[in-house]
Amino acid sequence: MIRRPRRVARALAVVAAVALALTASGCGLADKGPPMQFDHPNPSGPAVPLAVYIHGGAWSAGDKLKDGYYNLVRPKLLAQGVAVTSIDYRFAPRDPFPAQIIDVAYAVRYLRANAKRLRIDPDRIAAFGTSAGGHLASLLGTVDRSAGFDVGALKSTSSRVKAVVDISGPVDLTDTAFPEVTDISIQVAFGVIGGTAGDPALVKASPLAYVSTGDAPFLVVHGNVDELVPYEQSVRFASQLKGAGVPVELVTVIGGDHSLTATGQRPPPDQVADRIASFLITELRR
């Protein structure tokens, strides 16, 4: 039997799972009333960094607790003293975009405003997400207040994050290379009819449009045979971030599909999770 240090054992056992009710006015999360899952590696100790996970689901579905890479990465972060939360947001078509980024931005502001009570460091908050969640995480790392997504409660508190991991996320919603199923999902989620190419609302919703010097460091992870989001989007995104002087690494998963769980992909899912956790831990300790 392998004996782990007591602190690590507590983390892996999830010593604290706190359901936080989001109650501020002006935010869809307050209307919907869902909890966020919050896990702290040492709730009686000093403040620790925080990684915020944003689930996928085409902006219209999904579960904050069931995304594969959340469950793969979460224990690795807790074992290294990083708190982890997974958040909900409103779904399209009932609540089309920008409801999703408004809710996600509010969640970050809420966490930062309650940092003392939660024993987290408000200056060391990162975001990671898969698919639609990767898109939303990428917006957190690139937009500023001028984008108009910081609305509702706690508007004086920043929703910017220190680092971002984008896993299979679409970053250019005007791309004509999307397969039909993704193109339809975008039209439904963003209230666009008749195609996506060049639509001003989709330009405003695309992280690629906001890249600038001073953005958060990025790890971009994408499979080269993604059947839903063109891999080339991540290539362009990483290139544009690098051109703006933003620290960025593109991890290409050879043989990786959209979920990055394909048999025989290189690197395999556990190694992808190791790379994500390592990036977040390194950036949050800076």
Protein backbone atom coordinates (compact mmCIF):
# COMPACT_ATOMS: atom_id res chain seq x y z
CA MET A 1 0.00 0.00 0.00
CA ILE A 2 1.33 3.44 -0.96
CA ARG A 3 1.06 5.99 1.82
CA ARG A 4 0.55 9.57 0.68
CA PRO A 5 1.43 12.63 2.79
CA ARG A 6 -1.48 13.59 4.99
CA ARG A 7 -2.09 16.87 3.13
CA VAL A 8 -2.25 15.12 -0.23
CA ALA A 9 -4.54 12.44 1.13
CA ARG A 10 -6.92 15.12 2.42
CA ALA A 11 -6.88 16.81 -0.98
CA LEU A 12 -7.60 13.63 -2.90
CA ALA A 13 -10.43 12.83 -0.52
CA VAL A 14 -11.83 16.33 -1.19
CA VAL A 15 -11.89 17.57 2.35
CA ALA A 16 -14.19 20.42 1.48
CA ALA A 17 -16.98 20.41 -1.09
CA VAL A 18 -18.84 23.65 -0.61
CA ALA A 19 -21.98 24.43 -2.60
CA LEU A 20 -22.06 28.19 -3.10
CA ALA A 21 -25.43 29.73 -3.92
CA LEU A 22 -25.06 32.66 -6.31
CA THR A 23 -27.52 35.24 -5.10
CA ALA A 24 -26.56 38.58 -6.61
CA SER A 25 -29.20 40.47 -8.56
CA GLY A 26 -28.85 40.98 -12.27
CA CYS A 27 -27.18 37.63 -12.96
CA GLY A 28 -28.80 34.63 -14.60
CA LEU A 29 -27.16 32.33 -12.07
CA ALA A 30 -29.25 33.94 -9.36
CA ASP A 31 -32.41 33.29 -11.37
CA LYS A 32 -31.51 29.67 -12.09
CA GLY A 33 -30.19 29.05 -8.59
CA PRO A 34 -27.55 26.36 -9.28
CA PRO A 35 -24.61 25.64 -6.99
CA MET A 36 -20.99 25.66 -7.98
CA GLN A 37 -18.77 22.83 -6.87
CA PHE A 38 -15.89 24.20 -4.78
CA ASP A 39 -13.06 22.05 -3.46
CA HIS A 40 -10.32 23.38 -1.19
CA PRO A 41 -7.18 21.35 -0.44
CA ASN A 42 -6.80 22.75 3.08
CA PRO A 43 -9.81 24.83 4.17
CA SER A 44 -8.34 25.70 7.58
CA GLY A 45 -5.02 26.86 6.13
CA PRO A 46 -3.79 29.97 4.30
CA ALA A 47 -5.22 31.32 1.06
CA VAL A 48 -4.45 29.22 -2.01
CA PRO A 49 -4.68 29.72 -5.79
CA LEU A 50 -7.92 28.79 -7.56
CA ALA A 51 -8.63 27.12 -10.91
CA VAL A 52 -12.14 27.68 -12.33
CA TYR A 53 -13.47 24.99 -14.67
CA ILE A 54 -16.09 25.79 -17.33
CA HIS A 55 -17.89 22.81 -18.87
CA GLY A 56 -18.77 22.28 -22.51
CA GLY A 57 -22.05 21.44 -24.21
CA ALA A 58 -22.51 23.78 -27.20
CA TRP A 59 -23.58 26.59 -24.82
CA SER A 60 -26.90 24.76 -24.46
CA ALA A 61 -26.25 21.71 -22.27
CA GLY A 62 -23.66 20.07 -20.05
CA ASP A 63 -22.94 19.34 -16.41
CA LYS A 64 -20.37 21.08 -14.25
CA LEU A 65 -19.40 17.77 -12.58
CA LYS A 66 -19.32 15.33 -15.51
CA ASP A 67 -16.85 16.79 -18.02
CA GLY A 68 -13.98 14.35 -18.45
CA TYR A 69 -11.04 16.73 -18.16
CA TYR A 70 -12.46 18.38 -15.06
CA ASN A 71 -12.43 15.01 -13.32
CA LEU A 72 -8.97 14.15 -14.65
CA VAL A 73 -7.32 17.46 -13.72
CA ARG A 74 -9.11 18.28 -10.46
CA PRO A 75 -7.32 15.77 -8.17
CA LYS A 76 -3.94 16.75 -9.61
CA LEU A 77 -4.55 20.39 -8.72
CA LEU A 78 -5.88 19.64 -5.24
CA ALA A 79 -2.84 17.48 -4.51
CA GLN A 80 -0.62 20.49 -5.28
CA GLY A 81 -2.52 22.93 -3.07
CA VAL A 82 -4.74 24.54 -5.73
CA ALA A 83 -8.46 24.95 -5.03
CA VAL A 84 -10.82 23.97 -7.85
CA THR A 85 -14.34 25.06 -8.69
CA SER A 86 -16.65 24.02 -11.53
CA ILE A 87 -19.40 26.45 -12.40
CA ASP A 88 -22.77 26.47 -14.16
CA TYR A 89 -24.17 29.02 -16.60
CA ARG A 90 -27.46 29.62 -18.39
CA PHE A 91 -28.22 27.60 -21.50
CA ALA A 92 -29.31 28.59 -24.99
CA PRO A 93 -31.71 28.80 -26.73
CA ARG A 94 -33.75 29.97 -23.75
CA ASP A 95 -30.91 32.30 -22.80
CA PRO A 96 -28.77 33.02 -25.88
CA PHE A 97 -25.27 34.45 -25.75
CA PRO A 98 -23.99 36.61 -24.04
CA ALA A 99 -25.84 35.08 -21.06
CA GLN A 100 -23.15 32.40 -20.78
CA ILE A 101 -20.13 34.73 -20.54
CA ILE A 102 -22.07 37.14 -18.31
CA ASP A 103 -22.68 34.29 -15.86
CA VAL A 104 -19.11 33.02 -16.05
CA ALA A 105 -17.67 36.50 -15.57
CA TYR A 106 -19.97 37.05 -12.61
CA ALA A 107 -18.87 33.75 -11.06
CA VAL A 108 -15.23 34.90 -11.18
CA ARG A 109 -16.16 38.26 -9.65
CA TYR A 110 -18.14 36.47 -6.93
CA LEU A 111 -15.23 34.21 -6.09
CA ARG A 112 -12.79 37.12 -6.02
CA ALA A 113 -15.10 39.24 -3.85
CA ASN A 114 -15.45 36.33 -1.39
CA ALA A 115 -11.78 35.35 -1.47
CA LYS A 116 -11.15 35.94 2.23
CA ARG A 117 -14.04 33.74 3.34
CA LEU A 118 -13.14 31.03 0.82
CA ARG A 119 -9.41 31.17 1.67
CA ILE A 120 -8.34 31.76 -1.92
CA ASP A 121 -5.88 34.28 -3.33
CA PRO A 122 -7.88 36.82 -5.39
CA ASP A 123 -4.80 37.60 -7.49
CA ARG A 124 -4.22 33.97 -8.47
CA ILE A 125 -7.34 32.76 -10.27
CA ALA A 126 -7.08 30.79 -13.53
CA ALA A 127 -9.70 29.34 -15.88
CA PHE A 128 -9.82 26.16 -17.90
CA GLY A 129 -12.60 24.74 -20.02
CA THR A 130 -13.52 22.28 -22.73
CA SER A 131 -15.29 23.01 -26.04
CA ALA A 132 -17.85 25.78 -25.35
CA GLY A 133 -16.20 26.05 -21.94
CA GLY A 134 -12.85 26.59 -23.65
CA HIS A 135 -14.42 29.41 -25.65
CA LEU A 136 -15.74 31.03 -22.47
CA ALA A 137 -12.43 30.57 -20.64
CA SER A 138 -10.63 32.16 -23.60
CA LEU A 139 -12.91 35.18 -23.40
CA LEU A 140 -12.03 35.57 -19.71
CA GLY A 141 -8.36 35.69 -20.70
CA THR A 142 -8.72 38.21 -23.52
CA VAL A 143 -11.63 40.62 -23.01
CA ASP A 144 -11.70 43.75 -20.86
CA ARG A 145 -14.61 45.76 -19.47
CA SER A 146 -15.20 47.46 -22.81
CA ALA A 147 -16.66 44.19 -24.14
CA GLY A 148 -19.67 44.72 -21.89
CA PHE A 149 -19.75 41.26 -20.30
CA ASP A 150 -19.21 42.45 -16.71
CA VAL A 151 -22.82 43.30 -15.88
CA GLY A 152 -25.01 42.77 -12.83
CA ALA A 153 -23.64 42.59 -9.32
CA LEU A 154 -20.06 43.28 -8.20
CA LYS A 155 -19.27 45.31 -11.31
CA SER A 156 -16.34 47.00 -9.55
CA THR A 157 -14.64 43.60 -9.15
CA SER A 158 -12.53 42.27 -12.03
CA SER A 159 -13.37 39.06 -13.88
CA ARG A 160 -9.94 38.78 -15.52
CA VAL A 161 -7.93 35.65 -14.84
CA LYS A 162 -4.22 34.96 -14.43
CA ALA A 163 -3.98 32.05 -16.89
CA VAL A 164 -6.20 30.09 -19.29
CA VAL A 165 -6.34 26.55 -20.64
CA ASP A 166 -8.49 26.26 -23.77
CA ILE A 167 -9.34 22.63 -24.56
CA SER A 168 -10.91 22.14 -28.01
CA GLY A 169 -12.59 25.54 -27.82
CA PRO A 170 -13.86 27.49 -30.85
CA VAL A 171 -12.23 30.91 -30.95
CA ASP A 172 -13.47 32.25 -34.32
CA LEU A 173 -17.23 31.82 -34.47
CA THR A 174 -17.37 33.29 -38.00
CA ASP A 175 -15.26 30.45 -39.43
CA THR A 176 -16.83 28.95 -42.57
CA ALA A 177 -14.99 25.67 -41.97
CA PHE A 178 -17.24 24.51 -39.13
CA PRO A 179 -19.12 21.27 -39.89
CA GLU A 180 -22.87 21.71 -40.28
CA VAL A 181 -23.74 20.40 -36.80
CA THR A 182 -21.46 22.98 -35.15
CA ASP A 183 -22.63 25.77 -37.44
CA ILE A 184 -26.24 25.06 -36.43
CA SER A 185 -25.28 24.95 -32.73
CA ILE A 186 -23.64 28.37 -33.05
CA GLN A 187 -26.66 29.86 -34.84
CA VAL A 188 -28.97 28.56 -32.09
CA ALA A 189 -26.77 29.62 -29.18
CA PHE A 190 -25.97 33.06 -30.53
CA GLY A 191 -29.32 33.89 -32.11
CA VAL A 192 -27.90 34.13 -35.63
CA ILE A 193 -30.00 33.02 -38.58
CA GLY A 194 -28.78 32.16 -42.06
CA GLY A 195 -25.10 31.42 -41.48
CA THR A 196 -22.19 32.60 -39.37
CA ALA A 197 -19.66 34.11 -41.78
CA GLY A 198 -18.82 37.70 -40.86
CA ASP A 199 -21.77 38.21 -38.52
CA PRO A 200 -20.94 41.20 -36.22
CA ALA A 201 -22.44 39.49 -33.16
CA LEU A 202 -20.19 36.48 -33.72
CA VAL A 203 -17.13 38.66 -34.22
CA LYS A 204 -17.85 40.24 -30.83
CA ALA A 205 -18.21 36.79 -29.27
CA SER A 206 -14.93 35.45 -30.71
CA PRO A 207 -11.82 35.40 -28.46
CA LEU A 208 -9.66 35.76 -31.57
CA ALA A 209 -11.02 39.29 -32.00
CA TYR A 210 -9.76 40.42 -28.58
CA VAL A 211 -6.16 39.19 -28.55
CA SER A 212 -3.80 41.93 -27.36
CA THR A 213 -0.59 42.48 -25.45
CA GLY A 214 -1.11 41.83 -21.76
CA ASP A 215 -3.57 38.96 -22.15
CA ALA A 216 -3.30 36.03 -19.75
CA PRO A 217 -0.84 33.25 -20.61
CA PHE A 218 -2.53 30.45 -22.57
CA LEU A 219 -2.23 26.72 -22.96
CA VAL A 220 -4.21 25.69 -26.05
CA VAL A 221 -4.97 21.97 -26.38
CA HIS A 222 -6.58 20.58 -29.53
CA GLY A 223 -6.85 17.31 -31.39
CA ASN A 224 -5.77 17.37 -35.03
CA VAL A 225 -8.78 15.28 -36.10
CA ASP A 226 -11.41 17.22 -34.15
CA GLU A 227 -14.73 16.54 -35.87
CA LEU A 228 -16.59 19.55 -34.42
CA VAL A 229 -14.14 22.46 -34.13
CA PRO A 230 -11.44 22.89 -36.78
CA TYR A 231 -7.97 22.29 -35.33
CA GLU A 232 -6.70 25.14 -37.52
CA GLN A 233 -8.57 27.60 -35.28
CA SER A 234 -6.24 26.79 -32.40
CA VAL A 235 -3.22 27.10 -34.68
CA ARG A 236 -4.34 30.61 -35.68
CA PHE A 237 -5.23 31.52 -32.09
CA ALA A 238 -1.82 30.46 -30.77
CA SER A 239 -0.09 32.33 -33.60
CA GLN A 240 -2.04 35.51 -32.91
CA LEU A 241 -1.38 35.31 -29.17
CA LYS A 242 2.33 34.81 -29.82
CA GLY A 243 2.36 37.73 -32.24
CA ALA A 244 0.90 39.95 -29.51
CA GLY A 245 3.62 38.90 -27.10
CA VAL A 246 1.32 36.72 -25.00
CA PRO A 247 2.93 33.58 -23.51
CA VAL A 248 1.26 30.63 -25.24
CA GLU A 249 1.82 26.94 -25.89
CA LEU A 250 -0.15 24.87 -28.37
CA VAL A 251 -0.43 21.17 -27.51
CA THR A 252 -1.46 19.21 -30.59
CA VAL A 253 -3.01 15.86 -29.72
CA ILE A 254 -2.20 13.57 -32.65
CA GLY A 255 -5.26 11.48 -33.49
CA GLY A 256 -7.29 13.42 -30.94
CA ASP A 257 -11.01 13.95 -31.54
CA HIS A 258 -13.13 16.73 -30.04
CA SER A 259 -13.35 15.09 -26.62
CA LEU A 260 -9.63 14.21 -26.63
CA THR A 261 -10.42 10.70 -25.44
CA ALA A 262 -9.71 8.81 -28.66
CA THR A 263 -8.05 5.41 -28.45
CA GLY A 264 -4.44 5.69 -29.53
CA GLN A 265 -4.25 9.48 -29.39
CA ARG A 266 -0.81 10.94 -28.59
CA PRO A 267 -0.45 12.05 -25.86
CA PRO A 268 -3.12 9.92 -24.13
CA PRO A 269 -5.75 11.59 -21.91
CA ASP A 270 -3.86 11.10 -18.62
CA GLN A 271 -0.77 12.80 -20.04
CA VAL A 272 -2.88 15.62 -21.48
CA ALA A 273 -4.35 16.10 -17.98
CA ASP A 274 -0.83 16.14 -16.51
CA ARG A 275 0.18 18.90 -18.93
CA ILE A 276 -2.91 20.97 -18.12
CA ALA A 277 -2.36 20.62 -14.38
CA SER A 278 1.34 21.44 -14.69
CA PHE A 279 0.61 24.61 -16.67
CA LEU A 280 -2.03 25.82 -14.21
CA ILE A 281 0.13 25.09 -11.16
CA THR A 282 3.16 26.85 -12.69
CA GLU A 283 1.23 29.96 -13.72
CA LEU A 284 -0.68 30.22 -10.45
CA ARG A 285 2.54 30.07 -8.44
CA ARG A 286 4.13 32.97 -10.31
